[in-house]
Amino acid sequence: MMTFIAFIGAAVAEITGCFAFWYWLKLNKSAMWLVLGTVSLWLFAYLLTLVESEFAGRAYATYGTVYIFASILWMWVIEGNTPDRFDIIGTFVCAIGALIIFFGPRG
């Protein structure tokens, strides 16, 4: 359960951080957005250290699907752009890959 919470928190923090930089650079908003972006990206990195995995790379690979799902949700809810069938299919394909990576039997 802690892994799931860490992944969700990391996704929110990473997307918020990246969006803050995007907001500042692409939309010419105040440089104060860089403070939010920096703090959010620091929190993102910290939260990924809470994931229960023997190897960081495996945790990061699995997290990629959570990030993809959260990004599509962000695009829909925050940016007002409805995901198309390719967004949805791609997210599910990634989810299957993440499940194999994270839960695959290792010997």
PDB file of N, CA and C in Angstrom:
ATOM      1  N   MET A   1       0.822  -1.196   0.000  1.00  0.00           N
ATOM      2  CA  MET A   1       0.000   0.000   0.000  1.00  0.00           C
ATOM      3  C   MET A   1       0.868   1.263   0.000  1.00  0.00           C
ATOM      4  N   MET A   2       1.984   1.218   0.748  1.00  0.00           N
ATOM      5  CA  MET A   2       2.873   2.384   0.803  1.00  0.00           C
ATOM      6  C   MET A   2       3.467   2.674  -0.573  1.00  0.00           C
ATOM      7  N   THR A   3       3.763   1.621  -1.336  1.00  0.00           N
ATOM      8  CA  THR A   3       4.306   1.810  -2.678  1.00  0.00           C
ATOM      9  C   THR A   3       3.306   2.546  -3.557  1.00  0.00           C
ATOM     10  N   PHE A   4       2.060   2.147  -3.511  1.00  0.00           N
ATOM     11  CA  PHE A   4       1.016   2.781  -4.314  1.00  0.00           C
ATOM     12  C   PHE A   4       0.873   4.256  -3.932  1.00  0.00           C
ATOM     13  N   ILE A   5       0.851   4.548  -2.644  1.00  0.00           N
ATOM     14  CA  ILE A   5       0.728   5.930  -2.172  1.00  0.00           C
ATOM     15  C   ILE A   5       1.947   6.746  -2.609  1.00  0.00           C
ATOM     16  N   ALA A   6       3.137   6.156  -2.498  1.00  0.00           N
ATOM     17  CA  ALA A   6       4.358   6.853  -2.925  1.00  0.00           C
ATOM     18  C   ALA A   6       4.320   7.142  -4.423  1.00  0.00           C
ATOM     19  N   PHE A   7       3.861   6.180  -5.224  1.00  0.00           N
ATOM     20  CA  PHE A   7       3.771   6.380  -6.669  1.00  0.00           C
ATOM     21  C   PHE A   7       2.783   7.503  -7.014  1.00  0.00           C
ATOM     22  N   ILE A   8       1.628   7.498  -6.374  1.00  0.00           N
ATOM     23  CA  ILE A   8       0.623   8.535  -6.650  1.00  0.00           C
ATOM     24  C   ILE A   8       1.162   9.901  -6.248  1.00  0.00           C
ATOM     25  N   GLY A   9       1.734   9.987  -5.046  1.00  0.00           N
ATOM     26  CA  GLY A   9       2.311  11.252  -4.589  1.00  0.00           C
ATOM     27  C   GLY A   9       3.423  11.731  -5.505  1.00  0.00           C
ATOM     28  N   ALA A  10       4.279  10.801  -5.940  1.00  0.00           N
ATOM     29  CA  ALA A  10       5.377  11.148  -6.833  1.00  0.00           C
ATOM     30  C   ALA A  10       4.845  11.670  -8.167  1.00  0.00           C
ATOM     31  N   ALA A  11       3.810  11.046  -8.675  1.00  0.00           N
ATOM     32  CA  ALA A  11       3.238  11.484  -9.951  1.00  0.00           C
ATOM     33  C   ALA A  11       2.680  12.896  -9.849  1.00  0.00           C
ATOM     34  N   VAL A  12       1.936  13.154  -8.790  1.00  0.00           N
ATOM     35  CA  VAL A  12       1.377  14.499  -8.600  1.00  0.00           C
ATOM     36  C   VAL A  12       2.503  15.518  -8.454  1.00  0.00           C
ATOM     37  N   ALA A  13       3.514  15.182  -7.661  1.00  0.00           N
ATOM     38  CA  ALA A  13       4.630  16.109  -7.444  1.00  0.00           C
ATOM     39  C   ALA A  13       5.412  16.346  -8.735  1.00  0.00           C
ATOM     40  N   GLU A  14       5.664  15.282  -9.500  1.00  0.00           N
ATOM     41  CA  GLU A  14       6.447  15.442 -10.730  1.00  0.00           C
ATOM     42  C   GLU A  14       5.688  16.262 -11.767  1.00  0.00           C
ATOM     43  N   ILE A  15       4.429  15.955 -11.966  1.00  0.00           N
ATOM     44  CA  ILE A  15       3.648  16.684 -12.961  1.00  0.00           C
ATOM     45  C   ILE A  15       3.489  18.140 -12.541  1.00  0.00           C
ATOM     46  N   THR A  16       3.243  18.374 -11.257  1.00  0.00           N
ATOM     47  CA  THR A  16       3.133  19.752 -10.768  1.00  0.00           C
ATOM     48  C   THR A  16       4.439  20.508 -10.992  1.00  0.00           C
ATOM     49  N   GLY A  17       5.561  19.860 -10.663  1.00  0.00           N
ATOM     50  CA  GLY A  17       6.858  20.504 -10.845  1.00  0.00           C
ATOM     51  C   GLY A  17       7.149  20.819 -12.295  1.00  0.00           C
ATOM     52  N   CYS A  18       6.919  19.848 -13.155  1.00  0.00           N
ATOM     53  CA  CYS A  18       7.179  20.073 -14.584  1.00  0.00           C
ATOM     54  C   CYS A  18       6.231  21.115 -15.162  1.00  0.00           C
ATOM     55  N   PHE A  19       4.977  21.074 -14.741  1.00  0.00           N
ATOM     56  CA  PHE A  19       4.002  22.051 -15.236  1.00  0.00           C
ATOM     57  C   PHE A  19       4.365  23.466 -14.774  1.00  0.00           C
ATOM     58  N   ALA A  20       4.883  23.594 -13.547  1.00  0.00           N
ATOM     59  CA  ALA A  20       5.294  24.909 -13.056  1.00  0.00           C
ATOM     60  C   ALA A  20       6.398  25.494 -13.940  1.00  0.00           C
ATOM     61  N   PHE A  21       7.368  24.665 -14.325  1.00  0.00           N
ATOM     62  CA  PHE A  21       8.417  25.133 -15.227  1.00  0.00           C
ATOM     63  C   PHE A  21       7.842  25.477 -16.606  1.00  0.00           C
ATOM     64  N   TRP A  22       6.939  24.638 -17.078  1.00  0.00           N
ATOM     65  CA  TRP A  22       6.269  24.884 -18.363  1.00  0.00           C
ATOM     66  C   TRP A  22       5.521  26.218 -18.305  1.00  0.00           C
ATOM     67  N   TYR A  23       4.790  26.418 -17.224  1.00  0.00           N
ATOM     68  CA  TYR A  23       3.991  27.629 -17.029  1.00  0.00           C
ATOM     69  C   TYR A  23       4.883  28.867 -17.078  1.00  0.00           C
ATOM     70  N   TRP A  24       6.021  28.791 -16.394  1.00  0.00           N
ATOM     71  CA  TRP A  24       6.959  29.918 -16.364  1.00  0.00           C
ATOM     72  C   TRP A  24       7.586  30.160 -17.743  1.00  0.00           C
ATOM     73  N   LEU A  25       8.108  29.109 -18.369  1.00  0.00           N
ATOM     74  CA  LEU A  25       8.872  29.264 -19.593  1.00  0.00           C
ATOM     75  C   LEU A  25       7.999  29.444 -20.832  1.00  0.00           C
ATOM     76  N   LYS A  26       6.995  28.621 -20.977  1.00  0.00           N
ATOM     77  CA  LYS A  26       6.187  28.639 -22.200  1.00  0.00           C
ATOM     78  C   LYS A  26       5.095  29.706 -22.177  1.00  0.00           C
ATOM     79  N   LEU A  27       4.588  30.023 -20.972  1.00  0.00           N
ATOM     80  CA  LEU A  27       3.485  30.972 -20.884  1.00  0.00           C
ATOM     81  C   LEU A  27       3.905  32.310 -20.284  1.00  0.00           C
ATOM     82  N   ASN A  28       5.218  32.477 -20.102  1.00  0.00           N
ATOM     83  CA  ASN A  28       5.777  33.734 -19.597  1.00  0.00           C
ATOM     84  C   ASN A  28       5.159  34.192 -18.276  1.00  0.00           C
ATOM     85  N   LYS A  29       5.006  33.260 -17.362  1.00  0.00           N
ATOM     86  CA  LYS A  29       4.472  33.585 -16.039  1.00  0.00           C
ATOM     87  C   LYS A  29       5.615  33.941 -15.094  1.00  0.00           C
ATOM     88  N   SER A  30       5.263  34.360 -13.906  1.00  0.00           N
ATOM     89  CA  SER A  30       6.235  34.807 -12.910  1.00  0.00           C
ATOM     90  C   SER A  30       7.285  33.739 -12.599  1.00  0.00           C
ATOM     91  N   ALA A  31       8.505  34.192 -12.333  1.00  0.00           N
ATOM     92  CA  ALA A  31       9.593  33.282 -11.955  1.00  0.00           C
ATOM     93  C   ALA A  31       9.310  32.609 -10.616  1.00  0.00           C
ATOM     94  N   MET A  32       8.346  33.084  -9.872  1.00  0.00           N
ATOM     95  CA  MET A  32       7.966  32.431  -8.614  1.00  0.00           C
ATOM     96  C   MET A  32       7.473  31.005  -8.863  1.00  0.00           C
ATOM     97  N   TRP A  33       7.020  30.725 -10.063  1.00  0.00           N
ATOM     98  CA  TRP A  33       6.601  29.366 -10.406  1.00  0.00           C
ATOM     99  C   TRP A  33       7.775  28.397 -10.315  1.00  0.00           C
ATOM    100  N   LEU A  34       8.992  28.919 -10.455  1.00  0.00           N
ATOM    101  CA  LEU A  34      10.179  28.070 -10.346  1.00  0.00           C
ATOM    102  C   LEU A  34      10.354  27.529  -8.935  1.00  0.00           C
ATOM    103  N   VAL A  35       9.915  28.287  -7.942  1.00  0.00           N
ATOM    104  CA  VAL A  35       9.991  27.818  -6.553  1.00  0.00           C
ATOM    105  C   VAL A  35       9.081  26.604  -6.384  1.00  0.00           C
ATOM    106  N   LEU A  36       7.840  26.719  -6.836  1.00  0.00           N
ATOM    107  CA  LEU A  36       6.911  25.587  -6.768  1.00  0.00           C
ATOM    108  C   LEU A  36       7.455  24.400  -7.552  1.00  0.00           C
ATOM    109  N   GLY A  37       7.998  24.670  -8.735  1.00  0.00           N
ATOM    110  CA  GLY A  37       8.540  23.591  -9.561  1.00  0.00           C
ATOM    111  C   GLY A  37       9.689  22.879  -8.886  1.00  0.00           C
ATOM    112  N   THR A  38      10.591  23.632  -8.303  1.00  0.00           N
ATOM    113  CA  THR A  38      11.751  23.039  -7.641  1.00  0.00           C
ATOM    114  C   THR A  38      11.354  22.215  -6.431  1.00  0.00           C
ATOM    115  N   VAL A  39      10.490  22.750  -5.596  1.00  0.00           N
ATOM    116  CA  VAL A  39      10.037  22.020  -4.404  1.00  0.00           C
ATOM    117  C   VAL A  39       9.275  20.765  -4.806  1.00  0.00           C
ATOM    118  N   SER A  40       8.439  20.881  -5.807  1.00  0.00           N
ATOM    119  CA  SER A  40       7.661  19.722  -6.264  1.00  0.00           C
ATOM    120  C   SER A  40       8.561  18.614  -6.803  1.00  0.00           C
ATOM    121  N   LEU A  41       9.583  18.991  -7.568  1.00  0.00           N
ATOM    122  CA  LEU A  41      10.477  17.973  -8.123  1.00  0.00           C
ATOM    123  C   LEU A  41      11.356  17.353  -7.047  1.00  0.00           C
ATOM    124  N   TRP A  42      11.713  18.118  -6.037  1.00  0.00           N
ATOM    125  CA  TRP A  42      12.438  17.548  -4.893  1.00  0.00           C
ATOM    126  C   TRP A  42      11.550  16.529  -4.183  1.00  0.00           C
ATOM    127  N   LEU A  43      10.280  16.884  -3.950  1.00  0.00           N
ATOM    128  CA  LEU A  43       9.343  15.971  -3.294  1.00  0.00           C
ATOM    129  C   LEU A  43       9.147  14.706  -4.124  1.00  0.00           C
ATOM    130  N   PHE A  44       9.054  14.860  -5.425  1.00  0.00           N
ATOM    131  CA  PHE A  44       8.924  13.711  -6.323  1.00  0.00           C
ATOM    132  C   PHE A  44      10.075  12.725  -6.119  1.00  0.00           C
ATOM    133  N   ALA A  45      11.297  13.234  -6.123  1.00  0.00           N
ATOM    134  CA  ALA A  45      12.468  12.367  -5.961  1.00  0.00           C
ATOM    135  C   ALA A  45      12.456  11.681  -4.604  1.00  0.00           C
ATOM    136  N   TYR A  46      12.103  12.409  -3.572  1.00  0.00           N
ATOM    137  CA  TYR A  46      12.035  11.826  -2.228  1.00  0.00           C
ATOM    138  C   TYR A  46      10.988  10.709  -2.163  1.00  0.00           C
ATOM    139  N   LEU A  47       9.814  10.964  -2.703  1.00  0.00           N
ATOM    140  CA  LEU A  47       8.737   9.974  -2.630  1.00  0.00           C
ATOM    141  C   LEU A  47       9.110   8.667  -3.331  1.00  0.00           C
ATOM    142  N   LEU A  48       9.869   8.756  -4.403  1.00  0.00           N
ATOM    143  CA  LEU A  48      10.275   7.517  -5.077  1.00  0.00           C
ATOM    144  C   LEU A  48      11.221   6.679  -4.214  1.00  0.00           C
ATOM    145  N   THR A  49      11.920   7.303  -3.268  1.00  0.00           N
ATOM    146  CA  THR A  49      12.783   6.518  -2.379  1.00  0.00           C
ATOM    147  C   THR A  49      11.976   5.691  -1.390  1.00  0.00           C
ATOM    148  N   LEU A  50      10.694   5.968  -1.249  1.00  0.00           N
ATOM    149  CA  LEU A  50       9.833   5.222  -0.321  1.00  0.00           C
ATOM    150  C   LEU A  50       9.273   3.942  -0.931  1.00  0.00           C
ATOM    151  N   VAL A  51       9.479   3.751  -2.214  1.00  0.00           N
ATOM    152  CA  VAL A  51       8.949   2.576  -2.910  1.00  0.00           C
ATOM    153  C   VAL A  51       9.704   1.332  -2.465  1.00  0.00           C
ATOM    154  N   GLU A  52       8.942   0.290  -2.172  1.00  0.00           N
ATOM    155  CA  GLU A  52       9.521  -0.971  -1.722  1.00  0.00           C
ATOM    156  C   GLU A  52       9.964  -1.795  -2.933  1.00  0.00           C
ATOM    157  N   SER A  53      11.226  -1.660  -3.285  1.00  0.00           N
ATOM    158  CA  SER A  53      11.794  -2.390  -4.406  1.00  0.00           C
ATOM    159  C   SER A  53      13.275  -2.587  -4.136  1.00  0.00           C
ATOM    160  N   GLU A  54      13.774  -3.740  -4.529  1.00  0.00           N
ATOM    161  CA  GLU A  54      15.187  -4.037  -4.306  1.00  0.00           C
ATOM    162  C   GLU A  54      16.089  -3.164  -5.178  1.00  0.00           C
ATOM    163  N   PHE A  55      15.584  -2.772  -6.357  1.00  0.00           N
ATOM    164  CA  PHE A  55      16.382  -1.996  -7.293  1.00  0.00           C
ATOM    165  C   PHE A  55      15.644  -0.725  -7.699  1.00  0.00           C
ATOM    166  N   ALA A  56      16.336   0.391  -7.673  1.00  0.00           N
ATOM    167  CA  ALA A  56      15.742   1.675  -8.039  1.00  0.00           C
ATOM    168  C   ALA A  56      15.222   1.651  -9.474  1.00  0.00           C
ATOM    169  N   GLY A  57      15.993   1.080 -10.389  1.00  0.00           N
ATOM    170  CA  GLY A  57      15.584   1.049 -11.793  1.00  0.00           C
ATOM    171  C   GLY A  57      14.247   0.370 -12.002  1.00  0.00           C
ATOM    172  N   ARG A  58      14.017  -0.711 -11.271  1.00  0.00           N
ATOM    173  CA  ARG A  58      12.742  -1.418 -11.396  1.00  0.00           C
ATOM    174  C   ARG A  58      11.598  -0.556 -10.858  1.00  0.00           C
ATOM    175  N   ALA A  59      11.839   0.127  -9.760  1.00  0.00           N
ATOM    176  CA  ALA A  59      10.820   1.019  -9.206  1.00  0.00           C
ATOM    177  C   ALA A  59      10.523   2.152 -10.182  1.00  0.00           C
ATOM    178  N   TYR A  60      11.562   2.722 -10.787  1.00  0.00           N
ATOM    179  CA  TYR A  60      11.375   3.826 -11.727  1.00  0.00           C
ATOM    180  C   TYR A  60      10.633   3.363 -12.976  1.00  0.00           C
ATOM    181  N   ALA A  61      10.964   2.181 -13.464  1.00  0.00           N
ATOM    182  CA  ALA A  61      10.291   1.650 -14.650  1.00  0.00           C
ATOM    183  C   ALA A  61       8.807   1.445 -14.374  1.00  0.00           C
ATOM    184  N   THR A  62       8.497   0.912 -13.214  1.00  0.00           N
ATOM    185  CA  THR A  62       7.100   0.698 -12.842  1.00  0.00           C
ATOM    186  C   THR A  62       6.388   2.028 -12.661  1.00  0.00           C
ATOM    187  N   TYR A  63       7.056   2.966 -12.033  1.00  0.00           N
ATOM    188  CA  TYR A  63       6.481   4.289 -11.814  1.00  0.00           C
ATOM    189  C   TYR A  63       6.115   4.962 -13.139  1.00  0.00           C
ATOM    190  N   GLY A  64       6.839   4.639 -14.197  1.00  0.00           N
ATOM    191  CA  GLY A  64       6.567   5.250 -15.494  1.00  0.00           C
ATOM    192  C   GLY A  64       5.106   5.139 -15.900  1.00  0.00           C
ATOM    193  N   THR A  65       4.485   4.021 -15.633  1.00  0.00           N
ATOM    194  CA  THR A  65       3.071   3.854 -15.976  1.00  0.00           C
ATOM    195  C   THR A  65       2.191   4.753 -15.130  1.00  0.00           C
ATOM    196  N   VAL A  66       2.512   4.869 -13.858  1.00  0.00           N
ATOM    197  CA  VAL A  66       1.739   5.766 -12.986  1.00  0.00           C
ATOM    198  C   VAL A  66       1.849   7.189 -13.528  1.00  0.00           C
ATOM    199  N   TYR A  67       3.058   7.564 -13.945  1.00  0.00           N
ATOM    200  CA  TYR A  67       3.271   8.904 -14.503  1.00  0.00           C
ATOM    201  C   TYR A  67       2.459   9.097 -15.784  1.00  0.00           C
ATOM    202  N   ILE A  68       2.462   8.107 -16.646  1.00  0.00           N
ATOM    203  CA  ILE A  68       1.705   8.203 -17.900  1.00  0.00           C
ATOM    204  C   ILE A  68       0.220   8.372 -17.606  1.00  0.00           C
ATOM    205  N   PHE A  69      -0.308   7.554 -16.704  1.00  0.00           N
ATOM    206  CA  PHE A  69      -1.725   7.662 -16.343  1.00  0.00           C
ATOM    207  C   PHE A  69      -2.029   9.046 -15.769  1.00  0.00           C
ATOM    208  N   ALA A  70      -1.187   9.503 -14.833  1.00  0.00           N
ATOM    209  CA  ALA A  70      -1.401  10.813 -14.206  1.00  0.00           C
ATOM    210  C   ALA A  70      -1.285  11.934 -15.237  1.00  0.00           C
ATOM    211  N   SER A  71      -0.392  11.795 -16.201  1.00  0.00           N
ATOM    212  CA  SER A  71      -0.231  12.819 -17.241  1.00  0.00           C
ATOM    213  C   SER A  71      -1.476  12.909 -18.126  1.00  0.00           C
ATOM    214  N   ILE A  72      -2.011  11.773 -18.490  1.00  0.00           N
ATOM    215  CA  ILE A  72      -3.233  11.752 -19.301  1.00  0.00           C
ATOM    216  C   ILE A  72      -4.389  12.353 -18.506  1.00  0.00           C
ATOM    217  N   LEU A  73      -4.470  12.001 -17.228  1.00  0.00           N
ATOM    218  CA  LEU A  73      -5.509  12.577 -16.361  1.00  0.00           C
ATOM    219  C   LEU A  73      -5.323  14.089 -16.229  1.00  0.00           C
ATOM    220  N   TRP A  74      -4.088  14.553 -16.069  1.00  0.00           N
ATOM    221  CA  TRP A  74      -3.784  15.989 -15.973  1.00  0.00           C
ATOM    222  C   TRP A  74      -4.234  16.706 -17.251  1.00  0.00           C
ATOM    223  N   MET A  75      -3.894  16.110 -18.396  1.00  0.00           N
ATOM    224  CA  MET A  75      -4.280  16.698 -19.674  1.00  0.00           C
ATOM    225  C   MET A  75      -5.798  16.865 -19.753  1.00  0.00           C
ATOM    226  N   TRP A  76      -6.503  15.872 -19.235  1.00  0.00           N
ATOM    227  CA  TRP A  76      -7.964  15.875 -19.295  1.00  0.00           C
ATOM    228  C   TRP A  76      -8.569  16.860 -18.299  1.00  0.00           C
ATOM    229  N   VAL A  77      -8.170  16.754 -17.028  1.00  0.00           N
ATOM    230  CA  VAL A  77      -8.796  17.544 -15.962  1.00  0.00           C
ATOM    231  C   VAL A  77      -8.270  18.983 -15.913  1.00  0.00           C
ATOM    232  N   ILE A  78      -6.968  19.160 -15.962  1.00  0.00           N
ATOM    233  CA  ILE A  78      -6.373  20.488 -15.798  1.00  0.00           C
ATOM    234  C   ILE A  78      -6.340  21.268 -17.112  1.00  0.00           C
ATOM    235  N   GLU A  79      -5.961  20.584 -18.197  1.00  0.00           N
ATOM    236  CA  GLU A  79      -5.812  21.275 -19.472  1.00  0.00           C
ATOM    237  C   GLU A  79      -7.058  21.204 -20.357  1.00  0.00           C
ATOM    238  N   GLY A  80      -8.036  20.408 -19.961  1.00  0.00           N
ATOM    239  CA  GLY A  80      -9.297  20.360 -20.677  1.00  0.00           C
ATOM    240  C   GLY A  80      -9.257  19.661 -22.022  1.00  0.00           C
ATOM    241  N   ASN A  81      -8.296  18.757 -22.232  1.00  0.00           N
ATOM    242  CA  ASN A  81      -8.194  18.031 -23.501  1.00  0.00           C
ATOM    243  C   ASN A  81      -8.547  16.567 -23.247  1.00  0.00           C
ATOM    244  N   THR A  82      -9.635  16.113 -23.810  1.00  0.00           N
ATOM    245  CA  THR A  82     -10.108  14.747 -23.603  1.00  0.00           C
ATOM    246  C   THR A  82      -9.161  13.738 -24.256  1.00  0.00           C
ATOM    247  N   PRO A  83      -8.745  12.712 -23.488  1.00  0.00           N
ATOM    248  CA  PRO A  83      -7.875  11.683 -24.066  1.00  0.00           C
ATOM    249  C   PRO A  83      -8.584  10.955 -25.205  1.00  0.00           C
ATOM    250  N   ASP A  84      -7.815  10.605 -26.234  1.00  0.00           N
ATOM    251  CA  ASP A  84      -8.398   9.830 -27.317  1.00  0.00           C
ATOM    252  C   ASP A  84      -8.112   8.344 -27.095  1.00  0.00           C
ATOM    253  N   ARG A  85      -8.558   7.518 -28.009  1.00  0.00           N
ATOM    254  CA  ARG A  85      -8.414   6.065 -27.831  1.00  0.00           C
ATOM    255  C   ARG A  85      -6.947   5.644 -27.786  1.00  0.00           C
ATOM    256  N   PHE A  86      -6.066   6.357 -28.478  1.00  0.00           N
ATOM    257  CA  PHE A  86      -4.657   6.003 -28.467  1.00  0.00           C
ATOM    258  C   PHE A  86      -4.010   6.333 -27.114  1.00  0.00           C
ATOM    259  N   ASP A  87      -4.461   7.417 -26.487  1.00  0.00           N
ATOM    260  CA  ASP A  87      -3.988   7.735 -25.139  1.00  0.00           C
ATOM    261  C   ASP A  87      -4.377   6.617 -24.174  1.00  0.00           C
ATOM    262  N   ILE A  88      -5.600   6.164 -24.279  1.00  0.00           N
ATOM    263  CA  ILE A  88      -6.116   5.142 -23.362  1.00  0.00           C
ATOM    264  C   ILE A  88      -5.463   3.784 -23.630  1.00  0.00           C
ATOM    265  N   ILE A  89      -5.395   3.384 -24.892  1.00  0.00           N
ATOM    266  CA  ILE A  89      -4.768   2.103 -25.229  1.00  0.00           C
ATOM    267  C   ILE A  89      -3.302   2.105 -24.818  1.00  0.00           C
ATOM    268  N   GLY A  90      -2.590   3.167 -25.116  1.00  0.00           N
ATOM    269  CA  GLY A  90      -1.181   3.263 -24.749  1.00  0.00           C
ATOM    270  C   GLY A  90      -0.959   3.166 -23.250  1.00  0.00           C
ATOM    271  N   THR A  91      -1.835   3.788 -22.478  1.00  0.00           N
ATOM    272  CA  THR A  91      -1.722   3.719 -21.024  1.00  0.00           C
ATOM    273  C   THR A  91      -1.907   2.285 -20.539  1.00  0.00           C
ATOM    274  N   PHE A  92      -2.880   1.570 -21.095  1.00  0.00           N
ATOM    275  CA  PHE A  92      -3.098   0.181 -20.677  1.00  0.00           C
ATOM    276  C   PHE A  92      -1.945  -0.730 -21.089  1.00  0.00           C
ATOM    277  N   VAL A  93      -1.382  -0.511 -22.252  1.00  0.00           N
ATOM    278  CA  VAL A  93      -0.225  -1.304 -22.682  1.00  0.00           C
ATOM    279  C   VAL A  93       0.933  -1.091 -21.701  1.00  0.00           C
ATOM    280  N   CYS A  94       1.160   0.155 -21.329  1.00  0.00           N
ATOM    281  CA  CYS A  94       2.221   0.452 -20.360  1.00  0.00           C
ATOM    282  C   CYS A  94       1.942  -0.185 -19.005  1.00  0.00           C
ATOM    283  N   ALA A  95       0.683  -0.189 -18.595  1.00  0.00           N
ATOM    284  CA  ALA A  95       0.317  -0.786 -17.304  1.00  0.00           C
ATOM    285  C   ALA A  95       0.619  -2.283 -17.291  1.00  0.00           C
ATOM    286  N   ILE A  96       0.344  -2.955 -18.380  1.00  0.00           N
ATOM    287  CA  ILE A  96       0.657  -4.388 -18.457  1.00  0.00           C
ATOM    288  C   ILE A  96       2.170  -4.591 -18.335  1.00  0.00           C
ATOM    289  N   GLY A  97       2.943  -3.777 -19.027  1.00  0.00           N
ATOM    290  CA  GLY A  97       4.395  -3.868 -18.932  1.00  0.00           C
ATOM    291  C   GLY A  97       4.899  -3.610 -17.526  1.00  0.00           C
ATOM    292  N   ALA A  98       4.333  -2.618 -16.852  1.00  0.00           N
ATOM    293  CA  ALA A  98       4.756  -2.294 -15.484  1.00  0.00           C
ATOM    294  C   ALA A  98       4.447  -3.445 -14.531  1.00  0.00           C
ATOM    295  N   LEU A  99       3.295  -4.071 -14.693  1.00  0.00           N
ATOM    296  CA  LEU A  99       2.942  -5.213 -13.836  1.00  0.00           C
ATOM    297  C   LEU A  99       3.937  -6.357 -14.034  1.00  0.00           C
ATOM    298  N   ILE A 100       4.318  -6.593 -15.276  1.00  0.00           N
ATOM    299  CA  ILE A 100       5.305  -7.644 -15.551  1.00  0.00           C
ATOM    300  C   ILE A 100       6.643  -7.304 -14.908  1.00  0.00           C
ATOM    301  N   ILE A 101       7.083  -6.057 -15.058  1.00  0.00           N
ATOM    302  CA  ILE A 101       8.370  -5.638 -14.492  1.00  0.00           C
ATOM    303  C   ILE A 101       8.368  -5.744 -12.972  1.00  0.00           C
ATOM    304  N   PHE A 102       7.329  -5.229 -12.338  1.00  0.00           N
ATOM    305  CA  PHE A 102       7.332  -5.125 -10.875  1.00  0.00           C
ATOM    306  C   PHE A 102       7.029  -6.462 -10.180  1.00  0.00           C
ATOM    307  N   PHE A 103       6.106  -7.230 -10.748  1.00  0.00           N
ATOM    308  CA  PHE A 103       5.661  -8.444 -10.054  1.00  0.00           C
ATOM    309  C   PHE A 103       6.148  -9.742 -10.692  1.00  0.00           C
ATOM    310  N   GLY A 104       6.929  -9.660 -11.761  1.00  0.00           N
ATOM    311  CA  GLY A 104       7.413 -10.862 -12.425  1.00  0.00           C
ATOM    312  C   GLY A 104       8.272 -11.704 -11.490  1.00  0.00           C
ATOM    313  N   PRO A 105       8.113 -13.032 -11.564  1.00  0.00           N
ATOM    314  CA  PRO A 105       8.910 -13.908 -10.695  1.00  0.00           C
ATOM    315  C   PRO A 105      10.403 -13.824 -11.067  1.00  0.00           C
ATOM    316  N   ARG A 106      11.190 -13.739 -10.064  1.00  0.00           N
ATOM    317  CA  ARG A 106      12.646 -13.647 -10.267  1.00  0.00           C
ATOM    318  C   ARG A 106      13.309 -14.842  -9.586  1.00  0.00           C
ATOM    319  N   GLY A 107      14.266 -15.415 -10.224  1.00  0.00           N
ATOM    320  CA  GLY A 107      14.894 -16.596  -9.637  1.00  0.00           C
ATOM    321  C   GLY A 107      16.324 -16.487  -9.536  1.00  0.00           C
TER     322      GLY A 107
END
